[in-house]
């Protein structure tokens, strides 16, 4: 049970860190990556699931 909780916390932390990074990125950088401001949450969620 502890491992599951630890894993969920790590995924949540990855989501929050990715979300913060993408929100701080300039529009030009996001555009180069093919990400719109409206897609930031979706990309952060997807990135957290890969961990």
PDB file of N, CA and C in Angstrom:
ATOM      1  N   UNK A   1       0.815  -1.177   0.000  1.00  0.00           N
ATOM      2  CA  UNK A   1       0.000   0.000   0.000  1.00  0.00           C
ATOM      3  C   UNK A   1       0.876   1.264   0.000  1.00  0.00           C
ATOM      4  N   UNK A   2       1.948   1.247   0.755  1.00  0.00           N
ATOM      5  CA  UNK A   2       2.831   2.403   0.801  1.00  0.00           C
ATOM      6  C   UNK A   2       3.452   2.674  -0.570  1.00  0.00           C
ATOM      7  N   UNK A   3       3.816   1.610  -1.285  1.00  0.00           N
ATOM      8  CA  UNK A   3       4.400   1.784  -2.618  1.00  0.00           C
ATOM      9  C   UNK A   3       3.416   2.442  -3.571  1.00  0.00           C
ATOM     10  N   UNK A   4       2.160   2.067  -3.481  1.00  0.00           N
ATOM     11  CA  UNK A   4       1.136   2.658  -4.349  1.00  0.00           C
ATOM     12  C   UNK A   4       0.975   4.148  -4.039  1.00  0.00           C
ATOM     13  N   UNK A   5       0.959   4.489  -2.776  1.00  0.00           N
ATOM     14  CA  UNK A   5       0.837   5.884  -2.365  1.00  0.00           C
ATOM     15  C   UNK A   5       2.060   6.687  -2.810  1.00  0.00           C
ATOM     16  N   UNK A   6       3.218   6.107  -2.656  1.00  0.00           N
ATOM     17  CA  UNK A   6       4.454   6.772  -3.073  1.00  0.00           C
ATOM     18  C   UNK A   6       4.461   7.002  -4.587  1.00  0.00           C
ATOM     19  N   UNK A   7       4.000   6.008  -5.326  1.00  0.00           N
ATOM     20  CA  UNK A   7       3.935   6.111  -6.783  1.00  0.00           C
ATOM     21  C   UNK A   7       2.947   7.213  -7.203  1.00  0.00           C
ATOM     22  N   UNK A   8       1.801   7.260  -6.568  1.00  0.00           N
ATOM     23  CA  UNK A   8       0.804   8.289  -6.890  1.00  0.00           C
ATOM     24  C   UNK A   8       1.323   9.687  -6.565  1.00  0.00           C
ATOM     25  N   UNK A   9       2.031   9.810  -5.448  1.00  0.00           N
ATOM     26  CA  UNK A   9       2.602  11.096  -5.083  1.00  0.00           C
ATOM     27  C   UNK A   9       3.656  11.522  -6.105  1.00  0.00           C
ATOM     28  N   UNK A  10       4.484  10.589  -6.552  1.00  0.00           N
ATOM     29  CA  UNK A  10       5.514  10.894  -7.547  1.00  0.00           C
ATOM     30  C   UNK A  10       4.872  11.349  -8.855  1.00  0.00           C
ATOM     31  N   UNK A  11       3.789  10.699  -9.255  1.00  0.00           N
ATOM     32  CA  UNK A  11       3.085  11.120 -10.475  1.00  0.00           C
ATOM     33  C   UNK A  11       2.486  12.503 -10.308  1.00  0.00           C
ATOM     34  N   UNK A  12       1.896  12.785  -9.145  1.00  0.00           N
ATOM     35  CA  UNK A  12       1.308  14.101  -8.890  1.00  0.00           C
ATOM     36  C   UNK A  12       2.390  15.174  -8.913  1.00  0.00           C
ATOM     37  N   UNK A  13       3.524  14.873  -8.293  1.00  0.00           N
ATOM     38  CA  UNK A  13       4.631  15.822  -8.258  1.00  0.00           C
ATOM     39  C   UNK A  13       5.159  16.086  -9.672  1.00  0.00           C
ATOM     40  N   UNK A  14       5.282  15.044 -10.482  1.00  0.00           N
ATOM     41  CA  UNK A  14       5.725  15.210 -11.872  1.00  0.00           C
ATOM     42  C   UNK A  14       4.736  16.077 -12.645  1.00  0.00           C
ATOM     43  N   UNK A  15       3.456  15.864 -12.415  1.00  0.00           N
ATOM     44  CA  UNK A  15       2.418  16.676 -13.068  1.00  0.00           C
ATOM     45  C   UNK A  15       2.576  18.142 -12.692  1.00  0.00           C
ATOM     46  N   UNK A  16       2.707  18.420 -11.400  1.00  0.00           N
ATOM     47  CA  UNK A  16       2.814  19.807 -10.935  1.00  0.00           C
ATOM     48  C   UNK A  16       4.077  20.486 -11.462  1.00  0.00           C
ATOM     49  N   UNK A  17       5.186  19.756 -11.486  1.00  0.00           N
ATOM     50  CA  UNK A  17       6.439  20.334 -11.979  1.00  0.00           C
ATOM     51  C   UNK A  17       6.366  20.606 -13.474  1.00  0.00           C
ATOM     52  N   UNK A  18       5.805  19.684 -14.230  1.00  0.00           N
ATOM     53  CA  UNK A  18       5.665  19.870 -15.672  1.00  0.00           C
ATOM     54  C   UNK A  18       4.712  21.008 -15.970  1.00  0.00           C
ATOM     55  N   UNK A  19       3.616  21.064 -15.246  1.00  0.00           N
ATOM     56  CA  UNK A  19       2.637  22.134 -15.421  1.00  0.00           C
ATOM     57  C   UNK A  19       3.286  23.495 -15.174  1.00  0.00           C
ATOM     58  N   UNK A  20       4.039  23.623 -14.103  1.00  0.00           N
ATOM     59  CA  UNK A  20       4.702  24.887 -13.780  1.00  0.00           C
ATOM     60  C   UNK A  20       5.709  25.267 -14.865  1.00  0.00           C
ATOM     61  N   UNK A  21       6.462  24.309 -15.345  1.00  0.00           N
ATOM     62  CA  UNK A  21       7.459  24.587 -16.378  1.00  0.00           C
ATOM     63  C   UNK A  21       6.805  25.048 -17.674  1.00  0.00           C
ATOM     64  N   UNK A  22       5.761  24.353 -18.067  1.00  0.00           N
ATOM     65  CA  UNK A  22       5.082  24.726 -19.316  1.00  0.00           C
ATOM     66  C   UNK A  22       4.386  26.073 -19.197  1.00  0.00           C
ATOM     67  N   UNK A  23       3.832  26.366 -18.047  1.00  0.00           N
ATOM     68  CA  UNK A  23       3.167  27.655 -17.862  1.00  0.00           C
ATOM     69  C   UNK A  23       4.164  28.809 -17.911  1.00  0.00           C
ATOM     70  N   UNK A  24       5.393  28.570 -17.530  1.00  0.00           N
ATOM     71  CA  UNK A  24       6.415  29.614 -17.541  1.00  0.00           C
ATOM     72  C   UNK A  24       7.074  29.779 -18.905  1.00  0.00           C
ATOM     73  N   UNK A  25       6.907  28.803 -19.764  1.00  0.00           N
ATOM     74  CA  UNK A  25       7.554  28.848 -21.074  1.00  0.00           C
ATOM     75  C   UNK A  25       6.914  29.926 -21.952  1.00  0.00           C
ATOM     76  N   UNK A  26       7.735  30.623 -22.726  1.00  0.00           N
ATOM     77  CA  UNK A  26       7.174  31.626 -23.641  1.00  0.00           C
ATOM     78  C   UNK A  26       6.353  30.962 -24.754  1.00  0.00           C
ATOM     79  N   UNK A  27       5.437  31.723 -25.312  1.00  0.00           N
ATOM     80  CA  UNK A  27       4.578  31.197 -26.370  1.00  0.00           C
ATOM     81  C   UNK A  27       5.381  30.663 -27.544  1.00  0.00           C
ATOM     82  N   UNK A  28       6.486  31.313 -27.868  1.00  0.00           N
ATOM     83  CA  UNK A  28       7.297  30.865 -29.003  1.00  0.00           C
ATOM     84  C   UNK A  28       7.891  29.477 -28.753  1.00  0.00           C
ATOM     85  N   UNK A  29       8.304  29.220 -27.530  1.00  0.00           N
ATOM     86  CA  UNK A  29       8.858  27.904 -27.187  1.00  0.00           C
ATOM     87  C   UNK A  29       7.778  26.830 -27.257  1.00  0.00           C
ATOM     88  N   UNK A  30       6.602  27.154 -26.727  1.00  0.00           N
ATOM     89  CA  UNK A  30       5.491  26.207 -26.802  1.00  0.00           C
ATOM     90  C   UNK A  30       5.108  25.931 -28.257  1.00  0.00           C
ATOM     91  N   UNK A  31       5.084  26.984 -29.069  1.00  0.00           N
ATOM     92  CA  UNK A  31       4.744  26.817 -30.476  1.00  0.00           C
ATOM     93  C   UNK A  31       5.759  25.921 -31.178  1.00  0.00           C
ATOM     94  N   UNK A  32       7.037  26.091 -30.850  1.00  0.00           N
ATOM     95  CA  UNK A  32       8.076  25.228 -31.433  1.00  0.00           C
ATOM     96  C   UNK A  32       7.861  23.768 -31.058  1.00  0.00           C
ATOM     97  N   UNK A  33       7.338  23.536 -29.876  1.00  0.00           N
ATOM     98  CA  UNK A  33       7.072  22.173 -29.411  1.00  0.00           C
ATOM     99  C   UNK A  33       5.710  21.666 -29.881  1.00  0.00           C
ATOM    100  N   UNK A  34       4.933  22.531 -30.516  1.00  0.00           N
ATOM    101  CA  UNK A  34       3.615  22.131 -31.011  1.00  0.00           C
ATOM    102  C   UNK A  34       2.566  22.075 -29.916  1.00  0.00           C
ATOM    103  N   UNK A  35       2.720  22.899 -28.882  1.00  0.00           N
ATOM    104  CA  UNK A  35       1.802  22.906 -27.743  1.00  0.00           C
ATOM    105  C   UNK A  35       1.146  24.280 -27.638  1.00  0.00           C
ATOM    106  N   UNK A  36      -0.170  24.295 -27.552  1.00  0.00           N
ATOM    107  CA  UNK A  36      -0.869  25.556 -27.330  1.00  0.00           C
ATOM    108  C   UNK A  36      -1.090  25.730 -25.825  1.00  0.00           C
ATOM    109  N   UNK A  37      -1.371  26.938 -25.415  1.00  0.00           N
ATOM    110  CA  UNK A  37      -1.613  27.205 -23.985  1.00  0.00           C
ATOM    111  C   UNK A  37      -2.783  26.366 -23.466  1.00  0.00           C
ATOM    112  N   UNK A  38      -3.763  26.109 -24.304  1.00  0.00           N
ATOM    113  CA  UNK A  38      -4.925  25.326 -23.894  1.00  0.00           C
ATOM    114  C   UNK A  38      -4.590  23.844 -23.672  1.00  0.00           C
ATOM    115  N   UNK A  39      -3.493  23.392 -24.227  1.00  0.00           N
ATOM    116  CA  UNK A  39      -3.102  21.981 -24.124  1.00  0.00           C
ATOM    117  C   UNK A  39      -2.109  21.697 -23.002  1.00  0.00           C
ATOM    118  N   UNK A  40      -1.717  22.717 -22.268  1.00  0.00           N
ATOM    119  CA  UNK A  40      -0.677  22.548 -21.245  1.00  0.00           C
ATOM    120  C   UNK A  40      -1.073  21.494 -20.211  1.00  0.00           C
ATOM    121  N   UNK A  41      -2.282  21.555 -19.688  1.00  0.00           N
ATOM    122  CA  UNK A  41      -2.693  20.583 -18.654  1.00  0.00           C
ATOM    123  C   UNK A  41      -2.678  19.155 -19.198  1.00  0.00           C
ATOM    124  N   UNK A  42      -3.137  18.985 -20.429  1.00  0.00           N
ATOM    125  CA  UNK A  42      -3.157  17.656 -21.040  1.00  0.00           C
ATOM    126  C   UNK A  42      -1.744  17.105 -21.195  1.00  0.00           C
ATOM    127  N   UNK A  43      -0.817  17.932 -21.647  1.00  0.00           N
ATOM    128  CA  UNK A  43       0.569  17.487 -21.825  1.00  0.00           C
ATOM    129  C   UNK A  43       1.230  17.199 -20.472  1.00  0.00           C
ATOM    130  N   UNK A  44       0.920  17.998 -19.460  1.00  0.00           N
ATOM    131  CA  UNK A  44       1.480  17.738 -18.130  1.00  0.00           C
ATOM    132  C   UNK A  44       0.951  16.418 -17.580  1.00  0.00           C
ATOM    133  N   UNK A  45      -0.342  16.174 -17.772  1.00  0.00           N
ATOM    134  CA  UNK A  45      -0.936  14.919 -17.293  1.00  0.00           C
ATOM    135  C   UNK A  45      -0.295  13.724 -18.008  1.00  0.00           C
ATOM    136  N   UNK A  46      -0.140  13.842 -19.307  1.00  0.00           N
ATOM    137  CA  UNK A  46       0.464  12.763 -20.081  1.00  0.00           C
ATOM    138  C   UNK A  46       1.910  12.503 -19.638  1.00  0.00           C
ATOM    139  N   UNK A  47       2.644  13.569 -19.392  1.00  0.00           N
ATOM    140  CA  UNK A  47       4.034  13.418 -18.958  1.00  0.00           C
ATOM    141  C   UNK A  47       4.116  12.738 -17.596  1.00  0.00           C
ATOM    142  N   UNK A  48       3.165  13.014 -16.715  1.00  0.00           N
ATOM    143  CA  UNK A  48       3.191  12.407 -15.384  1.00  0.00           C
ATOM    144  C   UNK A  48       2.878  10.913 -15.446  1.00  0.00           C
ATOM    145  N   UNK A  49       2.141  10.480 -16.434  1.00  0.00           N
ATOM    146  CA  UNK A  49       1.799   9.064 -16.553  1.00  0.00           C
ATOM    147  C   UNK A  49       2.964   8.226 -17.069  1.00  0.00           C
ATOM    148  N   UNK A  50       3.931   8.881 -17.681  1.00  0.00           N
ATOM    149  CA  UNK A  50       5.093   8.154 -18.198  1.00  0.00           C
ATOM    150  C   UNK A  50       6.113   7.841 -17.129  1.00  0.00           C
ATOM    151  N   UNK A  51       5.962   8.370 -15.950  1.00  0.00           N
ATOM    152  CA  UNK A  51       6.943   8.149 -14.873  1.00  0.00           C
ATOM    153  C   UNK A  51       6.614   6.929 -14.077  1.00  0.00           C
TER     154      UNK A  51
END
